[in-house]
C-alpha atoms as a PDB file:
ATOM      1  CA  UNK A   1     136.191 101.630 -53.472  1.00  0.00           C
ATOM      2  CA  UNK A   2     137.895 102.767 -56.643  1.00  0.00           C
ATOM      3  CA  UNK A   3     141.534 103.812 -56.333  1.00  0.00           C
ATOM      4  CA  UNK A   4     143.266 106.730 -57.932  1.00  0.00           C
ATOM      5  CA  UNK A   5     143.388 106.445 -61.726  1.00  0.00           C
ATOM      6  CA  UNK A   6     146.628 106.455 -63.697  1.00  0.00           C
ATOM      7  CA  UNK A   7     146.365 110.083 -64.817  1.00  0.00           C
ATOM      8  CA  UNK A   8     145.343 111.289 -61.371  1.00  0.00           C
ATOM      9  CA  UNK A   9     148.178 109.238 -59.879  1.00  0.00           C
ATOM     10  CA  UNK A  10     150.727 110.971 -62.112  1.00  0.00           C
ATOM     11  CA  UNK A  11     149.291 114.366 -61.162  1.00  0.00           C
ATOM     12  CA  UNK A  12     149.487 113.421 -57.496  1.00  0.00           C
ATOM     13  CA  UNK A  13     153.095 112.291 -57.852  1.00  0.00           C
ATOM     14  CA  UNK A  14     153.983 115.570 -59.595  1.00  0.00           C
ATOM     15  CA  UNK A  15     152.295 117.589 -56.827  1.00  0.00           C
ATOM     16  CA  UNK A  16     154.145 115.674 -54.111  1.00  0.00           C
ATOM     17  CA  UNK A  17     157.455 116.212 -55.935  1.00  0.00           C
ATOM     18  CA  UNK A  18     156.684 119.940 -56.206  1.00  0.00           C
ATOM     19  CA  UNK A  19     156.188 120.179 -52.445  1.00  0.00           C
ATOM     20  CA  UNK A  20     159.199 117.936 -51.745  1.00  0.00           C
ATOM     21  CA  UNK A  21     161.465 120.418 -53.521  1.00  0.00           C
ATOM     22  CA  UNK A  22     159.842 123.599 -52.180  1.00  0.00           C
ATOM     23  CA  UNK A  23     161.938 126.139 -50.323  1.00  0.00           C
ATOM     24  CA  UNK A  24     158.995 128.396 -49.462  1.00  0.00           C
ATOM     25  CA  UNK A  25     155.900 127.619 -47.414  1.00  0.00           C
ATOM     26  CA  UNK A  26     152.667 129.453 -48.137  1.00  0.00           C
ATOM     27  CA  UNK A  27     149.031 128.433 -47.894  1.00  0.00           C
ATOM     28  CA  UNK A  28     147.664 131.339 -49.917  1.00  0.00           C
ATOM     29  CA  UNK A  29     148.638 134.010 -52.371  1.00  0.00           C
ATOM     30  CA  UNK A  30     151.896 135.875 -51.805  1.00  0.00           C
ATOM     31  CA  UNK A  31     152.911 139.448 -52.401  1.00  0.00           C
ATOM     32  CA  UNK A  32     150.756 142.361 -53.397  1.00  0.00           C
ATOM     33  CA  UNK A  33     149.412 140.474 -56.422  1.00  0.00           C
ATOM     34  CA  UNK A  34     148.480 137.444 -54.309  1.00  0.00           C
ATOM     35  CA  UNK A  35     150.339 135.087 -56.635  1.00  0.00           C
ATOM     36  CA  UNK A  36     149.999 131.397 -55.854  1.00  0.00           C
ATOM     37  CA  UNK A  37     153.280 129.528 -55.632  1.00  0.00           C
ATOM     38  CA  UNK A  38     153.451 126.182 -57.465  1.00  0.00           C
ATOM     39  CA  UNK A  39     153.963 124.386 -54.133  1.00  0.00           C
ATOM     40  CA  UNK A  40     150.833 126.048 -52.722  1.00  0.00           C
ATOM     41  CA  UNK A  41     148.803 124.861 -55.695  1.00  0.00           C
ATOM     42  CA  UNK A  42     150.306 121.395 -55.220  1.00  0.00           C
ATOM     43  CA  UNK A  43     149.327 121.459 -51.529  1.00  0.00           C
ATOM     44  CA  UNK A  44     145.712 122.210 -52.405  1.00  0.00           C
ATOM     45  CA  UNK A  45     145.670 119.481 -55.035  1.00  0.00           C
ATOM     46  CA  UNK A  46     147.009 116.896 -52.597  1.00  0.00           C
ATOM     47  CA  UNK A  47     144.605 118.085 -49.898  1.00  0.00           C
ATOM     48  CA  UNK A  48     141.655 117.433 -52.245  1.00  0.00           C
ATOM     49  CA  UNK A  49     143.019 114.013 -53.198  1.00  0.00           C
ATOM     50  CA  UNK A  50     143.615 113.174 -49.542  1.00  0.00           C
ATOM     51  CA  UNK A  51     139.916 113.669 -48.824  1.00  0.00           C
ATOM     52  CA  UNK A  52     138.923 111.558 -51.860  1.00  0.00           C
ATOM     53  CA  UNK A  53     141.468 108.727 -51.454  1.00  0.00           C
ATOM     54  CA  UNK A  54     142.851 108.896 -47.915  1.00  0.00           C
ATOM     55  CA  UNK A  55     144.676 105.563 -47.864  1.00  0.00           C
ATOM     56  CA  UNK A  56     146.575 105.964 -51.142  1.00  0.00           C
ATOM     57  CA  UNK A  57     147.401 109.626 -50.642  1.00  0.00           C
ATOM     58  CA  UNK A  58     148.417 109.166 -47.008  1.00  0.00           C
ATOM     59  CA  UNK A  59     151.323 107.005 -48.192  1.00  0.00           C
ATOM     60  CA  UNK A  60     152.532 109.882 -50.370  1.00  0.00           C
ATOM     61  CA  UNK A  61     152.164 112.368 -47.506  1.00  0.00           C
ATOM     62  CA  UNK A  62     154.110 110.071 -45.189  1.00  0.00           C
ATOM     63  CA  UNK A  63     156.869 109.872 -47.821  1.00  0.00           C
ATOM     64  CA  UNK A  64     156.888 113.674 -48.106  1.00  0.00           C
ATOM     65  CA  UNK A  65     157.184 114.005 -44.329  1.00  0.00           C
ATOM     66  CA  UNK A  66     160.236 111.750 -44.325  1.00  0.00           C
ATOM     67  CA  UNK A  67     161.939 112.917 -47.519  1.00  0.00           C
ATOM     68  CA  UNK A  68     160.861 116.454 -48.341  1.00  0.00           C
ATOM     69  CA  UNK A  69     162.718 119.715 -48.010  1.00  0.00           C
ATOM     70  CA  UNK A  70     162.008 121.615 -44.776  1.00  0.00           C
ATOM     71  CA  UNK A  71     159.081 123.375 -46.519  1.00  0.00           C
ATOM     72  CA  UNK A  72     157.948 120.038 -47.958  1.00  0.00           C
ATOM     73  CA  UNK A  73     157.930 118.439 -44.521  1.00  0.00           C
ATOM     74  CA  UNK A  74     155.882 121.368 -43.191  1.00  0.00           C
ATOM     75  CA  UNK A  75     153.382 120.911 -46.025  1.00  0.00           C
ATOM     76  CA  UNK A  76     153.152 117.200 -45.125  1.00  0.00           C
ATOM     77  CA  UNK A  77     152.522 117.893 -41.433  1.00  0.00           C
ATOM     78  CA  UNK A  78     149.854 120.448 -42.348  1.00  0.00           C
ATOM     79  CA  UNK A  79     148.178 117.915 -44.631  1.00  0.00           C
ATOM     80  CA  UNK A  80     148.158 115.350 -41.840  1.00  0.00           C
ATOM     81  CA  UNK A  81     146.571 117.952 -39.565  1.00  0.00           C
ATOM     82  CA  UNK A  82     143.656 118.264 -41.987  1.00  0.00           C
ATOM     83  CA  UNK A  83     142.725 114.574 -41.916  1.00  0.00           C
ATOM     84  CA  UNK A  84     144.088 113.198 -38.645  1.00  0.00           C
ATOM     85  CA  UNK A  85     144.696 115.716 -35.886  1.00  0.00           C
ATOM     86  CA  UNK A  86     146.701 113.277 -33.745  1.00  0.00           C
ATOM     87  CA  UNK A  87     148.958 112.349 -36.674  1.00  0.00           C
ATOM     88  CA  UNK A  88     149.413 116.026 -37.500  1.00  0.00           C
ATOM     89  CA  UNK A  89     150.431 116.882 -33.962  1.00  0.00           C
ATOM     90  CA  UNK A  90     152.804 113.902 -33.867  1.00  0.00           C
ATOM     91  CA  UNK A  91     154.378 115.087 -37.125  1.00  0.00           C
ATOM     92  CA  UNK A  92     154.833 118.631 -35.809  1.00  0.00           C
ATOM     93  CA  UNK A  93     156.350 117.233 -32.596  1.00  0.00           C
ATOM     94  CA  UNK A  94     158.775 115.124 -34.630  1.00  0.00           C
ATOM     95  CA  UNK A  95     159.836 118.178 -36.638  1.00  0.00           C
ATOM     96  CA  UNK A  96     160.564 120.406 -33.614  1.00  0.00           C
ATOM     97  CA  UNK A  97     164.254 119.510 -33.646  1.00  0.00           C
ATOM     98  CA  UNK A  98     164.745 120.008 -37.398  1.00  0.00           C
ATOM     99  CA  UNK A  99     167.079 122.944 -38.044  1.00  0.00           C
ATOM    100  CA  UNK A 100     166.448 123.041 -41.797  1.00  0.00           C
ATOM    101  CA  UNK A 101     165.653 126.551 -43.005  1.00  0.00           C
ATOM    102  CA  UNK A 102     162.648 127.683 -44.980  1.00  0.00           C
ATOM    103  CA  UNK A 103     160.962 130.852 -46.111  1.00  0.00           C
ATOM    104  CA  UNK A 104     157.368 131.468 -45.086  1.00  0.00           C
ATOM    105  CA  UNK A 105     154.842 133.808 -46.619  1.00  0.00           C
ATOM    106  CA  UNK A 106     151.676 135.118 -45.050  1.00  0.00           C
ATOM    107  CA  UNK A 107     150.207 137.456 -47.631  1.00  0.00           C
ATOM    108  CA  UNK A 108     152.861 140.100 -48.264  1.00  0.00           C
ATOM    109  CA  UNK A 109     154.902 139.181 -45.204  1.00  0.00           C
ATOM    110  CA  UNK A 110     157.961 137.059 -45.841  1.00  0.00           C
ATOM    111  CA  UNK A 111     159.976 135.485 -43.039  1.00  0.00           C
ATOM    112  CA  UNK A 112     162.907 133.107 -42.608  1.00  0.00           C
ATOM    113  CA  UNK A 113     162.728 130.437 -39.936  1.00  0.00           C
ATOM    114  CA  UNK A 114     163.768 126.898 -39.193  1.00  0.00           C
ATOM    115  CA  UNK A 115     161.401 123.997 -39.551  1.00  0.00           C
ATOM    116  CA  UNK A 116     161.808 123.316 -35.830  1.00  0.00           C
ATOM    117  CA  UNK A 117     160.740 126.845 -34.894  1.00  0.00           C
ATOM    118  CA  UNK A 118     157.793 126.680 -37.283  1.00  0.00           C
ATOM    119  CA  UNK A 119     156.742 123.279 -35.889  1.00  0.00           C
ATOM    120  CA  UNK A 120     156.931 124.577 -32.311  1.00  0.00           C
ATOM    121  CA  UNK A 121     154.678 127.489 -33.291  1.00  0.00           C
ATOM    122  CA  UNK A 122     152.149 125.076 -34.810  1.00  0.00           C
ATOM    123  CA  UNK A 123     152.109 123.032 -31.611  1.00  0.00           C
ATOM    124  CA  UNK A 124     151.440 126.076 -29.432  1.00  0.00           C
ATOM    125  CA  UNK A 125     148.925 127.655 -31.827  1.00  0.00           C
ATOM    126  CA  UNK A 126     146.093 125.512 -30.453  1.00  0.00           C
END
């Protein structure tokens, strides 16, 4: 199996850094114009890479889960959910007690919440 190339590795690192510093969580376009946030674009990029190179990218996602902003940690848990449901649920469970604040967007709807509240919602959404 061929690993991630140098250029793709730099792009992956940049995407992970973008999510790590994010203060807003969104998985689609926001506002009336449906503008994609840079962290949302980064999420999609990492999600694609995670499917192509699960072992290498998983290390980056695990780092993001441990070191990211509250929004970054939520992005990491969501990424884990896409490839390993048990790991995703464990990540959400671990984040339930995190009182870090983040902004969420669902279309035009903006909300403020804590990572713990958001994680608890993800766990009960099933």
